[in-house]
Amino acid sequence: QLQLVESGGGLVQPGGSLRLSCAASGFTLDGYPIGWFRQAPGKEREGVSCIRHGDAITYYADSVKGRFTTSRDNANNTVYLQMNSLKPEDTGVYYCAVSTRWYIDHCPNLNDIPYWGKGTLVTVSS
């Protein structure tokens, strides 16, 4: 059974850091593009970062570029999202997801996603 499990969320002060993990079971993460999405209260879910299968090329939304880093550990079948210099507007539920498509200029669209994790809450507040 295919499963994605996110962890690492929590409460952090502005300027702080968190590292989210997305552990996969039932399939090999390296075989698919993987996206990190977030949904802030009252807002639509948006892609913030994604990593391509194979060569691990990454893409970042402008809002997180230079602050977030996505990486993949094939040995542990896990994708990470390192988040630095966090801002209150980074608050939301963060989801990892398997995509059926890769784009060169943006993360996968929501309708490209057949499998989602359940999410982990990140709250940036003083």
PDB file of N, CA and C in Angstrom:
ATOM      1  N   GLN A   1       0.841  -1.188   0.000  1.00  0.00           N
ATOM      2  CA  GLN A   1       0.000   0.000   0.000  1.00  0.00           C
ATOM      3  C   GLN A   1       0.877   1.239   0.000  1.00  0.00           C
ATOM      4  N   LEU A   2       0.629   2.153  -0.956  1.00  0.00           N
ATOM      5  CA  LEU A   2       1.407   3.363  -1.067  1.00  0.00           C
ATOM      6  C   LEU A   2       1.042   4.310   0.068  1.00  0.00           C
ATOM      7  N   GLN A   3       2.063   4.852   0.728  1.00  0.00           N
ATOM      8  CA  GLN A   3       1.810   5.759   1.846  1.00  0.00           C
ATOM      9  C   GLN A   3       2.907   6.820   1.909  1.00  0.00           C
ATOM     10  N   LEU A   4       2.491   8.049   2.218  1.00  0.00           N
ATOM     11  CA  LEU A   4       3.406   9.156   2.472  1.00  0.00           C
ATOM     12  C   LEU A   4       3.108   9.689   3.866  1.00  0.00           C
ATOM     13  N   VAL A   5       4.149   9.853   4.671  1.00  0.00           N
ATOM     14  CA  VAL A   5       3.959  10.336   6.035  1.00  0.00           C
ATOM     15  C   VAL A   5       4.908  11.507   6.285  1.00  0.00           C
ATOM     16  N   GLU A   6       4.317  12.683   6.534  1.00  0.00           N
ATOM     17  CA  GLU A   6       5.102  13.865   6.842  1.00  0.00           C
ATOM     18  C   GLU A   6       5.337  13.971   8.351  1.00  0.00           C
ATOM     19  N   SER A   7       6.451  14.561   8.708  1.00  0.00           N
ATOM     20  CA  SER A   7       6.753  14.842  10.112  1.00  0.00           C
ATOM     21  C   SER A   7       7.681  16.044  10.183  1.00  0.00           C
ATOM     22  N   GLY A   8       7.837  16.567  11.408  1.00  0.00           N
ATOM     23  CA  GLY A   8       8.779  17.663  11.617  1.00  0.00           C
ATOM     24  C   GLY A   8       8.154  19.026  11.803  1.00  0.00           C
ATOM     25  N   GLY A   9       6.857  19.125  11.668  1.00  0.00           N
ATOM     26  CA  GLY A   9       6.213  20.414  11.867  1.00  0.00           C
ATOM     27  C   GLY A   9       6.205  20.813  13.330  1.00  0.00           C
ATOM     28  N   GLY A  10       5.796  22.047  13.576  1.00  0.00           N
ATOM     29  CA  GLY A  10       5.737  22.534  14.949  1.00  0.00           C
ATOM     30  C   GLY A  10       5.642  24.036  14.993  1.00  0.00           C
ATOM     31  N   LEU A  11       5.812  24.565  16.186  1.00  0.00           N
ATOM     32  CA  LEU A  11       5.789  26.010  16.411  1.00  0.00           C
ATOM     33  C   LEU A  11       7.220  26.534  16.442  1.00  0.00           C
ATOM     34  N   VAL A  12       7.458  27.598  15.676  1.00  0.00           N
ATOM     35  CA  VAL A  12       8.798  28.179  15.616  1.00  0.00           C
ATOM     36  C   VAL A  12       8.665  29.690  15.549  1.00  0.00           C
ATOM     37  N   GLN A  13       9.638  30.380  16.091  1.00  0.00           N
ATOM     38  CA  GLN A  13       9.625  31.838  16.048  1.00  0.00           C
ATOM     39  C   GLN A  13      10.078  32.333  14.681  1.00  0.00           C
ATOM     40  N   PRO A  14       9.651  33.516  14.299  1.00  0.00           N
ATOM     41  CA  PRO A  14      10.147  34.091  13.047  1.00  0.00           C
ATOM     42  C   PRO A  14      11.671  34.120  13.016  1.00  0.00           C
ATOM     43  N   GLY A  15      12.221  33.747  11.863  1.00  0.00           N
ATOM     44  CA  GLY A  15      13.666  33.646  11.724  1.00  0.00           C
ATOM     45  C   GLY A  15      14.224  32.277  12.040  1.00  0.00           C
ATOM     46  N   GLY A  16      13.405  31.414  12.595  1.00  0.00           N
ATOM     47  CA  GLY A  16      13.838  30.080  12.961  1.00  0.00           C
ATOM     48  C   GLY A  16      13.828  29.113  11.797  1.00  0.00           C
ATOM     49  N   SER A  17      14.140  27.843  12.122  1.00  0.00           N
ATOM     50  CA  SER A  17      14.241  26.800  11.102  1.00  0.00           C
ATOM     51  C   SER A  17      13.490  25.551  11.527  1.00  0.00           C
ATOM     52  N   LEU A  18      13.043  24.823  10.533  1.00  0.00           N
ATOM     53  CA  LEU A  18      12.464  23.498  10.728  1.00  0.00           C
ATOM     54  C   LEU A  18      12.880  22.631   9.557  1.00  0.00           C
ATOM     55  N   ARG A  19      12.934  21.328   9.801  1.00  0.00           N
ATOM     56  CA  ARG A  19      13.136  20.392   8.708  1.00  0.00           C
ATOM     57  C   ARG A  19      11.979  19.397   8.684  1.00  0.00           C
ATOM     58  N   LEU A  20      11.280  19.406   7.577  1.00  0.00           N
ATOM     59  CA  LEU A  20      10.178  18.457   7.387  1.00  0.00           C
ATOM     60  C   LEU A  20      10.694  17.216   6.675  1.00  0.00           C
ATOM     61  N   SER A  21      10.115  16.085   7.038  1.00  0.00           N
ATOM     62  CA  SER A  21      10.440  14.818   6.388  1.00  0.00           C
ATOM     63  C   SER A  21       9.184  14.243   5.750  1.00  0.00           C
ATOM     64  N   CYS A  22       9.389  13.548   4.649  1.00  0.00           N
ATOM     65  CA  CYS A  22       8.299  12.844   3.968  1.00  0.00           C
ATOM     66  C   CYS A  22       8.792  11.436   3.702  1.00  0.00           C
ATOM     67  N   ALA A  23       8.332  10.491   4.509  1.00  0.00           N
ATOM     68  CA  ALA A  23       8.753   9.108   4.380  1.00  0.00           C
ATOM     69  C   ALA A  23       7.745   8.336   3.551  1.00  0.00           C
ATOM     70  N   ALA A  24       8.238   7.596   2.577  1.00  0.00           N
ATOM     71  CA  ALA A  24       7.366   6.846   1.681  1.00  0.00           C
ATOM     72  C   ALA A  24       7.453   5.352   1.957  1.00  0.00           C
ATOM     73  N   SER A  25       6.359   4.687   1.751  1.00  0.00           N
ATOM     74  CA  SER A  25       6.340   3.231   1.816  1.00  0.00           C
ATOM     75  C   SER A  25       5.437   2.725   0.703  1.00  0.00           C
ATOM     76  N   GLY A  26       5.738   1.536   0.226  1.00  0.00           N
ATOM     77  CA  GLY A  26       4.935   0.930  -0.818  1.00  0.00           C
ATOM     78  C   GLY A  26       5.363   1.282  -2.226  1.00  0.00           C
ATOM     79  N   PHE A  27       6.314   2.197  -2.351  1.00  0.00           N
ATOM     80  CA  PHE A  27       6.843   2.566  -3.660  1.00  0.00           C
ATOM     81  C   PHE A  27       8.170   3.274  -3.445  1.00  0.00           C
ATOM     82  N   THR A  28       8.893   3.507  -4.554  1.00  0.00           N
ATOM     83  CA  THR A  28      10.195   4.184  -4.487  1.00  0.00           C
ATOM     84  C   THR A  28      10.047   5.647  -4.853  1.00  0.00           C
ATOM     85  N   LEU A  29      10.391   6.525  -3.900  1.00  0.00           N
ATOM     86  CA  LEU A  29      10.240   7.957  -4.137  1.00  0.00           C
ATOM     87  C   LEU A  29      11.019   8.430  -5.361  1.00  0.00           C
ATOM     88  N   ASP A  30      12.176   7.836  -5.583  1.00  0.00           N
ATOM     89  CA  ASP A  30      13.027   8.281  -6.672  1.00  0.00           C
ATOM     90  C   ASP A  30      12.425   8.021  -8.044  1.00  0.00           C
ATOM     91  N   GLY A  31      11.327   7.316  -8.108  1.00  0.00           N
ATOM     92  CA  GLY A  31      10.699   7.023  -9.388  1.00  0.00           C
ATOM     93  C   GLY A  31       9.712   8.076  -9.852  1.00  0.00           C
ATOM     94  N   TYR A  32       9.471   9.101  -9.015  1.00  0.00           N
ATOM     95  CA  TYR A  32       8.423  10.085  -9.319  1.00  0.00           C
ATOM     96  C   TYR A  32       8.866  11.491  -8.897  1.00  0.00           C
ATOM     97  N   PRO A  33       8.347  12.517  -9.581  1.00  0.00           N
ATOM     98  CA  PRO A  33       8.511  13.861  -9.032  1.00  0.00           C
ATOM     99  C   PRO A  33       7.749  13.956  -7.707  1.00  0.00           C
ATOM    100  N   ILE A  34       8.341  14.633  -6.747  1.00  0.00           N
ATOM    101  CA  ILE A  34       7.712  14.801  -5.450  1.00  0.00           C
ATOM    102  C   ILE A  34       7.569  16.288  -5.171  1.00  0.00           C
ATOM    103  N   GLY A  35       6.412  16.678  -4.718  1.00  0.00           N
ATOM    104  CA  GLY A  35       6.169  18.081  -4.418  1.00  0.00           C
ATOM    105  C   GLY A  35       5.888  18.307  -2.953  1.00  0.00           C
ATOM    106  N   TRP A  36       6.293  19.490  -2.469  1.00  0.00           N
ATOM    107  CA  TRP A  36       5.889  19.989  -1.164  1.00  0.00           C
ATOM    108  C   TRP A  36       4.879  21.110  -1.405  1.00  0.00           C
ATOM    109  N   PHE A  37       3.745  20.990  -0.785  1.00  0.00           N
ATOM    110  CA  PHE A  37       2.672  21.957  -0.907  1.00  0.00           C
ATOM    111  C   PHE A  37       2.325  22.477   0.483  1.00  0.00           C
ATOM    112  N   ARG A  38       1.749  23.641   0.532  1.00  0.00           N
ATOM    113  CA  ARG A  38       1.273  24.128   1.823  1.00  0.00           C
ATOM    114  C   ARG A  38      -0.096  24.778   1.639  1.00  0.00           C
ATOM    115  N   GLN A  39      -0.842  24.757   2.723  1.00  0.00           N
ATOM    116  CA  GLN A  39      -2.160  25.385   2.712  1.00  0.00           C
ATOM    117  C   GLN A  39      -2.290  26.224   3.971  1.00  0.00           C
ATOM    118  N   ALA A  40      -2.328  27.524   3.759  1.00  0.00           N
ATOM    119  CA  ALA A  40      -2.514  28.449   4.869  1.00  0.00           C
ATOM    120  C   ALA A  40      -4.006  28.566   5.180  1.00  0.00           C
ATOM    121  N   PRO A  41      -4.348  28.963   6.396  1.00  0.00           N
ATOM    122  CA  PRO A  41      -5.767  29.099   6.755  1.00  0.00           C
ATOM    123  C   PRO A  41      -6.496  30.020   5.785  1.00  0.00           C
ATOM    124  N   GLY A  42      -7.592  29.522   5.229  1.00  0.00           N
ATOM    125  CA  GLY A  42      -8.411  30.319   4.334  1.00  0.00           C
ATOM    126  C   GLY A  42      -7.860  30.502   2.936  1.00  0.00           C
ATOM    127  N   LYS A  43      -6.772  29.807   2.620  1.00  0.00           N
ATOM    128  CA  LYS A  43      -6.156  29.960   1.300  1.00  0.00           C
ATOM    129  C   LYS A  43      -6.103  28.623   0.571  1.00  0.00           C
ATOM    130  N   GLU A  44      -5.861  28.700  -0.728  1.00  0.00           N
ATOM    131  CA  GLU A  44      -5.750  27.492  -1.528  1.00  0.00           C
ATOM    132  C   GLU A  44      -4.399  26.820  -1.289  1.00  0.00           C
ATOM    133  N   ARG A  45      -4.373  25.533  -1.528  1.00  0.00           N
ATOM    134  CA  ARG A  45      -3.120  24.792  -1.438  1.00  0.00           C
ATOM    135  C   ARG A  45      -2.205  25.216  -2.584  1.00  0.00           C
ATOM    136  N   GLU A  46      -0.937  25.446  -2.261  1.00  0.00           N
ATOM    137  CA  GLU A  46       0.014  25.904  -3.260  1.00  0.00           C
ATOM    138  C   GLU A  46       1.300  25.085  -3.199  1.00  0.00           C
ATOM    139  N   GLY A  47       1.937  24.926  -4.357  1.00  0.00           N
ATOM    140  CA  GLY A  47       3.222  24.246  -4.391  1.00  0.00           C
ATOM    141  C   GLY A  47       4.336  25.191  -3.998  1.00  0.00           C
ATOM    142  N   VAL A  48       5.193  24.764  -3.083  1.00  0.00           N
ATOM    143  CA  VAL A  48       6.300  25.610  -2.667  1.00  0.00           C
ATOM    144  C   VAL A  48       7.639  25.085  -3.157  1.00  0.00           C
ATOM    145  N   SER A  49       7.753  23.769  -3.339  1.00  0.00           N
ATOM    146  CA  SER A  49       9.009  23.194  -3.799  1.00  0.00           C
ATOM    147  C   SER A  49       8.732  21.826  -4.374  1.00  0.00           C
ATOM    148  N   CYS A  50       9.574  21.419  -5.317  1.00  0.00           N
ATOM    149  CA  CYS A  50       9.423  20.080  -5.868  1.00  0.00           C
ATOM    150  C   CYS A  50      10.789  19.575  -6.313  1.00  0.00           C
ATOM    151  N   ILE A  51      10.886  18.258  -6.401  1.00  0.00           N
ATOM    152  CA  ILE A  51      12.160  17.624  -6.754  1.00  0.00           C
ATOM    153  C   ILE A  51      11.888  16.551  -7.798  1.00  0.00           C
ATOM    154  N   ARG A  52      12.689  16.572  -8.847  1.00  0.00           N
ATOM    155  CA  ARG A  52      12.457  15.644  -9.948  1.00  0.00           C
ATOM    156  C   ARG A  52      13.056  14.287  -9.655  1.00  0.00           C
ATOM    157  N   HIS A  53      12.450  13.252 -10.190  1.00  0.00           N
ATOM    158  CA  HIS A  53      12.973  11.903 -10.050  1.00  0.00           C
ATOM    159  C   HIS A  53      14.259  11.774 -10.854  1.00  0.00           C
ATOM    160  N   GLY A  54      15.131  10.900 -10.377  1.00  0.00           N
ATOM    161  CA  GLY A  54      16.403  10.666 -11.054  1.00  0.00           C
ATOM    162  C   GLY A  54      17.455  11.704 -10.710  1.00  0.00           C
ATOM    163  N   ASP A  55      17.460  12.815 -11.440  1.00  0.00           N
ATOM    164  CA  ASP A  55      18.552  13.785 -11.298  1.00  0.00           C
ATOM    165  C   ASP A  55      18.348  14.766 -10.149  1.00  0.00           C
ATOM    166  N   ALA A  56      17.206  14.701  -9.476  1.00  0.00           N
ATOM    167  CA  ALA A  56      16.948  15.507  -8.273  1.00  0.00           C
ATOM    168  C   ALA A  56      17.004  17.004  -8.539  1.00  0.00           C
ATOM    169  N   ILE A  57      16.699  17.418  -9.759  1.00  0.00           N
ATOM    170  CA  ILE A  57      16.550  18.854 -10.021  1.00  0.00           C
ATOM    171  C   ILE A  57      15.400  19.380  -9.169  1.00  0.00           C
ATOM    172  N   THR A  58      15.609  20.568  -8.609  1.00  0.00           N
ATOM    173  CA  THR A  58      14.598  21.140  -7.731  1.00  0.00           C
ATOM    174  C   THR A  58      14.035  22.434  -8.301  1.00  0.00           C
ATOM    175  N   TYR A  59      12.859  22.769  -7.818  1.00  0.00           N
ATOM    176  CA  TYR A  59      12.206  24.031  -8.180  1.00  0.00           C
ATOM    177  C   TYR A  59      11.627  24.626  -6.902  1.00  0.00           C
ATOM    178  N   TYR A  60      11.682  25.956  -6.805  1.00  0.00           N
ATOM    179  CA  TYR A  60      11.149  26.636  -5.630  1.00  0.00           C
ATOM    180  C   TYR A  60      10.260  27.792  -6.060  1.00  0.00           C
ATOM    181  N   ALA A  61       9.158  27.946  -5.352  1.00  0.00           N
ATOM    182  CA  ALA A  61       8.330  29.118  -5.573  1.00  0.00           C
ATOM    183  C   ALA A  61       9.097  30.364  -5.135  1.00  0.00           C
ATOM    184  N   ASP A  62       8.783  31.483  -5.751  1.00  0.00           N
ATOM    185  CA  ASP A  62       9.490  32.723  -5.425  1.00  0.00           C
ATOM    186  C   ASP A  62       9.399  33.066  -3.939  1.00  0.00           C
ATOM    187  N   SER A  63       8.299  32.716  -3.336  1.00  0.00           N
ATOM    188  CA  SER A  63       8.087  33.075  -1.935  1.00  0.00           C
ATOM    189  C   SER A  63       9.034  32.364  -0.971  1.00  0.00           C
ATOM    190  N   VAL A  64       9.648  31.264  -1.413  1.00  0.00           N
ATOM    191  CA  VAL A  64      10.533  30.498  -0.523  1.00  0.00           C
ATOM    192  C   VAL A  64      11.949  30.374  -1.065  1.00  0.00           C
ATOM    193  N   LYS A  65      12.177  30.873  -2.261  1.00  0.00           N
ATOM    194  CA  LYS A  65      13.480  30.733  -2.905  1.00  0.00           C
ATOM    195  C   LYS A  65      14.562  31.368  -2.035  1.00  0.00           C
ATOM    196  N   GLY A  66      15.657  30.632  -1.837  1.00  0.00           N
ATOM    197  CA  GLY A  66      16.752  31.118  -1.009  1.00  0.00           C
ATOM    198  C   GLY A  66      16.601  30.783   0.459  1.00  0.00           C
ATOM    199  N   ARG A  67      15.425  30.329   0.863  1.00  0.00           N
ATOM    200  CA  ARG A  67      15.180  29.998   2.279  1.00  0.00           C
ATOM    201  C   ARG A  67      14.896  28.512   2.487  1.00  0.00           C
ATOM    202  N   PHE A  68      14.264  27.878   1.507  1.00  0.00           N
ATOM    203  CA  PHE A  68      13.891  26.473   1.613  1.00  0.00           C
ATOM    204  C   PHE A  68      14.777  25.640   0.691  1.00  0.00           C
ATOM    205  N   THR A  69      15.049  24.420   1.127  1.00  0.00           N
ATOM    206  CA  THR A  69      15.833  23.484   0.318  1.00  0.00           C
ATOM    207  C   THR A  69      15.192  22.107   0.392  1.00  0.00           C
ATOM    208  N   THR A  70      14.964  21.524  -0.775  1.00  0.00           N
ATOM    209  CA  THR A  70      14.408  20.171  -0.856  1.00  0.00           C
ATOM    210  C   THR A  70      15.512  19.204  -1.238  1.00  0.00           C
ATOM    211  N   SER A  71      15.524  18.048  -0.574  1.00  0.00           N
ATOM    212  CA  SER A  71      16.509  17.020  -0.890  1.00  0.00           C
ATOM    213  C   SER A  71      15.867  15.649  -0.751  1.00  0.00           C
ATOM    214  N   ARG A  72      16.548  14.665  -1.298  1.00  0.00           N
ATOM    215  CA  ARG A  72      16.004  13.297  -1.273  1.00  0.00           C
ATOM    216  C   ARG A  72      17.083  12.337  -0.777  1.00  0.00           C
ATOM    217  N   ASP A  73      16.710  11.438   0.095  1.00  0.00           N
ATOM    218  CA  ASP A  73      17.588  10.373   0.604  1.00  0.00           C
ATOM    219  C   ASP A  73      17.046   9.057   0.081  1.00  0.00           C
ATOM    220  N   ASN A  74      17.667   8.552  -0.992  1.00  0.00           N
ATOM    221  CA  ASN A  74      17.137   7.333  -1.620  1.00  0.00           C
ATOM    222  C   ASN A  74      17.270   6.124  -0.697  1.00  0.00           C
ATOM    223  N   ALA A  75      18.326   6.077   0.099  1.00  0.00           N
ATOM    224  CA  ALA A  75      18.543   4.924   0.986  1.00  0.00           C
ATOM    225  C   ALA A  75      17.410   4.781   1.993  1.00  0.00           C
ATOM    226  N   ASN A  76      16.866   5.934   2.428  1.00  0.00           N
ATOM    227  CA  ASN A  76      15.788   5.910   3.411  1.00  0.00           C
ATOM    228  C   ASN A  76      14.422   6.204   2.801  1.00  0.00           C
ATOM    229  N   ASN A  77      14.390   6.322   1.469  1.00  0.00           N
ATOM    230  CA  ASN A  77      13.127   6.566   0.762  1.00  0.00           C
ATOM    231  C   ASN A  77      12.370   7.757   1.361  1.00  0.00           C
ATOM    232  N   THR A  78      13.106   8.829   1.570  1.00  0.00           N
ATOM    233  CA  THR A  78      12.567  10.006   2.261  1.00  0.00           C
ATOM    234  C   THR A  78      12.968  11.278   1.511  1.00  0.00           C
ATOM    235  N   VAL A  79      12.057  12.223   1.461  1.00  0.00           N
ATOM    236  CA  VAL A  79      12.319  13.558   0.937  1.00  0.00           C
ATOM    237  C   VAL A  79      12.223  14.547   2.095  1.00  0.00           C
ATOM    238  N   TYR A  80      13.117  15.536   2.068  1.00  0.00           N
ATOM    239  CA  TYR A  80      13.162  16.522   3.145  1.00  0.00           C
ATOM    240  C   TYR A  80      12.874  17.922   2.604  1.00  0.00           C
ATOM    241  N   LEU A  81      12.372  18.763   3.475  1.00  0.00           N
ATOM    242  CA  LEU A  81      12.223  20.185   3.185  1.00  0.00           C
ATOM    243  C   LEU A  81      12.856  20.949   4.342  1.00  0.00           C
ATOM    244  N   GLN A  82      14.037  21.505   4.094  1.00  0.00           N
ATOM    245  CA  GLN A  82      14.707  22.329   5.091  1.00  0.00           C
ATOM    246  C   GLN A  82      14.203  23.759   4.933  1.00  0.00           C
ATOM    247  N   MET A  83      13.664  24.301   6.001  1.00  0.00           N
ATOM    248  CA  MET A  83      13.068  25.637   5.960  1.00  0.00           C
ATOM    249  C   MET A  83      13.818  26.547   6.917  1.00  0.00           C
ATOM    250  N   ASN A  84      14.451  27.555   6.386  1.00  0.00           N
ATOM    251  CA  ASN A  84      15.214  28.518   7.182  1.00  0.00           C
ATOM    252  C   ASN A  84      14.588  29.901   7.060  1.00  0.00           C
ATOM    253  N   SER A  85      14.976  30.769   7.966  1.00  0.00           N
ATOM    254  CA  SER A  85      14.492  32.164   7.960  1.00  0.00           C
ATOM    255  C   SER A  85      12.979  32.204   7.840  1.00  0.00           C
ATOM    256  N   LEU A  86      12.326  31.415   8.637  1.00  0.00           N
ATOM    257  CA  LEU A  86      10.874  31.292   8.537  1.00  0.00           C
ATOM    258  C   LEU A  86      10.170  32.600   8.879  1.00  0.00           C
ATOM    259  N   LYS A  87       9.060  32.823   8.181  1.00  0.00           N
ATOM    260  CA  LYS A  87       8.256  34.031   8.339  1.00  0.00           C
ATOM    261  C   LYS A  87       6.846  33.633   8.764  1.00  0.00           C
ATOM    262  N   PRO A  88       6.114  34.531   9.387  1.00  0.00           N
ATOM    263  CA  PRO A  88       4.721  34.200   9.762  1.00  0.00           C
ATOM    264  C   PRO A  88       3.881  33.747   8.566  1.00  0.00           C
ATOM    265  N   GLU A  89       4.152  34.280   7.394  1.00  0.00           N
ATOM    266  CA  GLU A  89       3.371  33.881   6.215  1.00  0.00           C
ATOM    267  C   GLU A  89       3.710  32.482   5.715  1.00  0.00           C
ATOM    268  N   ASP A  90       4.702  31.830   6.313  1.00  0.00           N
ATOM    269  CA  ASP A  90       4.985  30.433   5.996  1.00  0.00           C
ATOM    270  C   ASP A  90       4.083  29.475   6.787  1.00  0.00           C
ATOM    271  N   THR A  91       3.292  30.015   7.672  1.00  0.00           N
ATOM    272  CA  THR A  91       2.393  29.196   8.481  1.00  0.00           C
ATOM    273  C   THR A  91       1.394  28.459   7.607  1.00  0.00           C
ATOM    274  N   GLY A  92       1.185  27.177   7.928  1.00  0.00           N
ATOM    275  CA  GLY A  92       0.202  26.386   7.196  1.00  0.00           C
ATOM    276  C   GLY A  92       0.446  24.905   7.405  1.00  0.00           C
ATOM    277  N   VAL A  93      -0.400  24.125   6.793  1.00  0.00           N
ATOM    278  CA  VAL A  93      -0.209  22.672   6.786  1.00  0.00           C
ATOM    279  C   VAL A  93       0.612  22.335   5.545  1.00  0.00           C
ATOM    280  N   TYR A  94       1.682  21.605   5.770  1.00  0.00           N
ATOM    281  CA  TYR A  94       2.582  21.227   4.685  1.00  0.00           C
ATOM    282  C   TYR A  94       2.348  19.766   4.317  1.00  0.00           C
ATOM    283  N   TYR A  95       2.189  19.540   3.020  1.00  0.00           N
ATOM    284  CA  TYR A  95       1.924  18.211   2.488  1.00  0.00           C
ATOM    285  C   TYR A  95       3.022  17.817   1.499  1.00  0.00           C
ATOM    286  N   CYS A  96       3.400  16.556   1.517  1.00  0.00           N
ATOM    287  CA  CYS A  96       4.188  16.055   0.397  1.00  0.00           C
ATOM    288  C   CYS A  96       3.272  15.234  -0.493  1.00  0.00           C
ATOM    289  N   ALA A  97       3.656  15.102  -1.751  1.00  0.00           N
ATOM    290  CA  ALA A  97       2.767  14.474  -2.718  1.00  0.00           C
ATOM    291  C   ALA A  97       3.563  13.893  -3.866  1.00  0.00           C
ATOM    292  N   VAL A  98       3.065  12.824  -4.407  1.00  0.00           N
ATOM    293  CA  VAL A  98       3.612  12.206  -5.612  1.00  0.00           C
ATOM    294  C   VAL A  98       2.948  12.833  -6.822  1.00  0.00           C
ATOM    295  N   SER A  99       3.745  13.204  -7.810  1.00  0.00           N
ATOM    296  CA  SER A  99       3.204  13.810  -9.013  1.00  0.00           C
ATOM    297  C   SER A  99       3.376  12.893 -10.206  1.00  0.00           C
ATOM    298  N   THR A 100       2.465  13.032 -11.167  1.00  0.00           N
ATOM    299  CA  THR A 100       2.582  12.288 -12.416  1.00  0.00           C
ATOM    300  C   THR A 100       3.295  13.106 -13.490  1.00  0.00           C
ATOM    301  N   ARG A 101       3.588  14.380 -13.191  1.00  0.00           N
ATOM    302  CA  ARG A 101       4.212  15.231 -14.185  1.00  0.00           C
ATOM    303  C   ARG A 101       5.280  16.110 -13.550  1.00  0.00           C
ATOM    304  N   TRP A 102       6.231  16.519 -14.383  1.00  0.00           N
ATOM    305  CA  TRP A 102       7.261  17.479 -13.979  1.00  0.00           C
ATOM    306  C   TRP A 102       7.218  18.649 -14.950  1.00  0.00           C
ATOM    307  N   TYR A 103       7.276  19.863 -14.417  1.00  0.00           N
ATOM    308  CA  TYR A 103       7.317  21.058 -15.238  1.00  0.00           C
ATOM    309  C   TYR A 103       8.631  21.786 -14.979  1.00  0.00           C
ATOM    310  N   ILE A 104       9.128  22.481 -15.998  1.00  0.00           N
ATOM    311  CA  ILE A 104      10.421  23.137 -15.816  1.00  0.00           C
ATOM    312  C   ILE A 104      10.291  24.473 -15.102  1.00  0.00           C
ATOM    313  N   ASP A 105       9.086  25.033 -15.054  1.00  0.00           N
ATOM    314  CA  ASP A 105       8.961  26.383 -14.521  1.00  0.00           C
ATOM    315  C   ASP A 105       7.972  26.529 -13.377  1.00  0.00           C
ATOM    316  N   HIS A 106       7.446  25.427 -12.885  1.00  0.00           N
ATOM    317  CA  HIS A 106       6.571  25.494 -11.712  1.00  0.00           C
ATOM    318  C   HIS A 106       6.390  24.099 -11.147  1.00  0.00           C
ATOM    319  N   CYS A 107       5.963  24.040  -9.917  1.00  0.00           N
ATOM    320  CA  CYS A 107       5.687  22.750  -9.294  1.00  0.00           C
ATOM    321  C   CYS A 107       4.422  22.137  -9.888  1.00  0.00           C
ATOM    322  N   PRO A 108       4.228  20.848  -9.674  1.00  0.00           N
ATOM    323  CA  PRO A 108       3.039  20.196 -10.225  1.00  0.00           C
ATOM    324  C   PRO A 108       1.744  20.890  -9.823  1.00  0.00           C
ATOM    325  N   ASN A 109       0.770  20.798 -10.714  1.00  0.00           N
ATOM    326  CA  ASN A 109      -0.556  21.300 -10.402  1.00  0.00           C
ATOM    327  C   ASN A 109      -1.275  20.307  -9.493  1.00  0.00           C
ATOM    328  N   LEU A 110      -2.288  20.773  -8.824  1.00  0.00           N
ATOM    329  CA  LEU A 110      -3.013  19.904  -7.895  1.00  0.00           C
ATOM    330  C   LEU A 110      -3.612  18.694  -8.614  1.00  0.00           C
ATOM    331  N   ASN A 111      -4.018  18.881  -9.868  1.00  0.00           N
ATOM    332  CA  ASN A 111      -4.620  17.746 -10.573  1.00  0.00           C
ATOM    333  C   ASN A 111      -3.588  16.781 -11.139  1.00  0.00           C
ATOM    334  N   ASP A 112      -2.295  17.049 -10.905  1.00  0.00           N
ATOM    335  CA  ASP A 112      -1.242  16.095 -11.261  1.00  0.00           C
ATOM    336  C   ASP A 112      -0.943  15.137 -10.129  1.00  0.00           C
ATOM    337  N   ILE A 113      -1.602  15.317  -8.988  1.00  0.00           N
ATOM    338  CA  ILE A 113      -1.253  14.595  -7.760  1.00  0.00           C
ATOM    339  C   ILE A 113      -2.240  13.460  -7.496  1.00  0.00           C
ATOM    340  N   PRO A 114      -1.797  12.198  -7.640  1.00  0.00           N
ATOM    341  CA  PRO A 114      -2.676  11.079  -7.284  1.00  0.00           C
ATOM    342  C   PRO A 114      -2.570  10.670  -5.813  1.00  0.00           C
ATOM    343  N   TYR A 115      -1.449  11.043  -5.146  1.00  0.00           N
ATOM    344  CA  TYR A 115      -1.250  10.610  -3.764  1.00  0.00           C
ATOM    345  C   TYR A 115      -0.727  11.756  -2.930  1.00  0.00           C
ATOM    346  N   TRP A 116      -1.380  11.961  -1.790  1.00  0.00           N
ATOM    347  CA  TRP A 116      -1.014  12.994  -0.822  1.00  0.00           C
ATOM    348  C   TRP A 116      -0.692  12.357   0.527  1.00  0.00           C
ATOM    349  N   GLY A 117       0.230  12.998   1.261  1.00  0.00           N
ATOM    350  CA  GLY A 117       0.351  12.682   2.671  1.00  0.00           C
ATOM    351  C   GLY A 117      -0.748  13.395   3.441  1.00  0.00           C
ATOM    352  N   LYS A 118      -0.792  13.183   4.751  1.00  0.00           N
ATOM    353  CA  LYS A 118      -1.847  13.776   5.576  1.00  0.00           C
ATOM    354  C   LYS A 118      -1.471  15.159   6.073  1.00  0.00           C
ATOM    355  N   GLY A 119      -0.199  15.530   5.924  1.00  0.00           N
ATOM    356  CA  GLY A 119       0.225  16.877   6.268  1.00  0.00           C
ATOM    357  C   GLY A 119       0.790  17.010   7.664  1.00  0.00           C
ATOM    358  N   THR A 120       1.591  18.075   7.828  1.00  0.00           N
ATOM    359  CA  THR A 120       2.144  18.422   9.129  1.00  0.00           C
ATOM    360  C   THR A 120       2.036  19.932   9.289  1.00  0.00           C
ATOM    361  N   LEU A 121       1.619  20.371  10.471  1.00  0.00           N
ATOM    362  CA  LEU A 121       1.338  21.788  10.696  1.00  0.00           C
ATOM    363  C   LEU A 121       2.609  22.538  11.083  1.00  0.00           C
ATOM    364  N   VAL A 122       2.837  23.647  10.384  1.00  0.00           N
ATOM    365  CA  VAL A 122       3.937  24.562  10.709  1.00  0.00           C
ATOM    366  C   VAL A 122       3.329  25.896  11.128  1.00  0.00           C
ATOM    367  N   THR A 123       3.695  26.347  12.304  1.00  0.00           N
ATOM    368  CA  THR A 123       3.210  27.629  12.800  1.00  0.00           C
ATOM    369  C   THR A 123       4.417  28.508  13.115  1.00  0.00           C
ATOM    370  N   VAL A 124       4.471  29.654  12.455  1.00  0.00           N
ATOM    371  CA  VAL A 124       5.568  30.601  12.673  1.00  0.00           C
ATOM    372  C   VAL A 124       4.984  31.811  13.388  1.00  0.00           C
ATOM    373  N   SER A 125       5.357  31.952  14.648  1.00  0.00           N
ATOM    374  CA  SER A 125       4.763  33.001  15.469  1.00  0.00           C
ATOM    375  C   SER A 125       5.659  33.293  16.662  1.00  0.00           C
ATOM    376  N   SER A 126       5.651  34.550  17.075  1.00  0.00           N
ATOM    377  CA  SER A 126       6.383  34.922  18.273  1.00  0.00           C
ATOM    378  C   SER A 126       5.487  34.876  19.498  1.00  0.00           C
TER     379      SER A 126
END
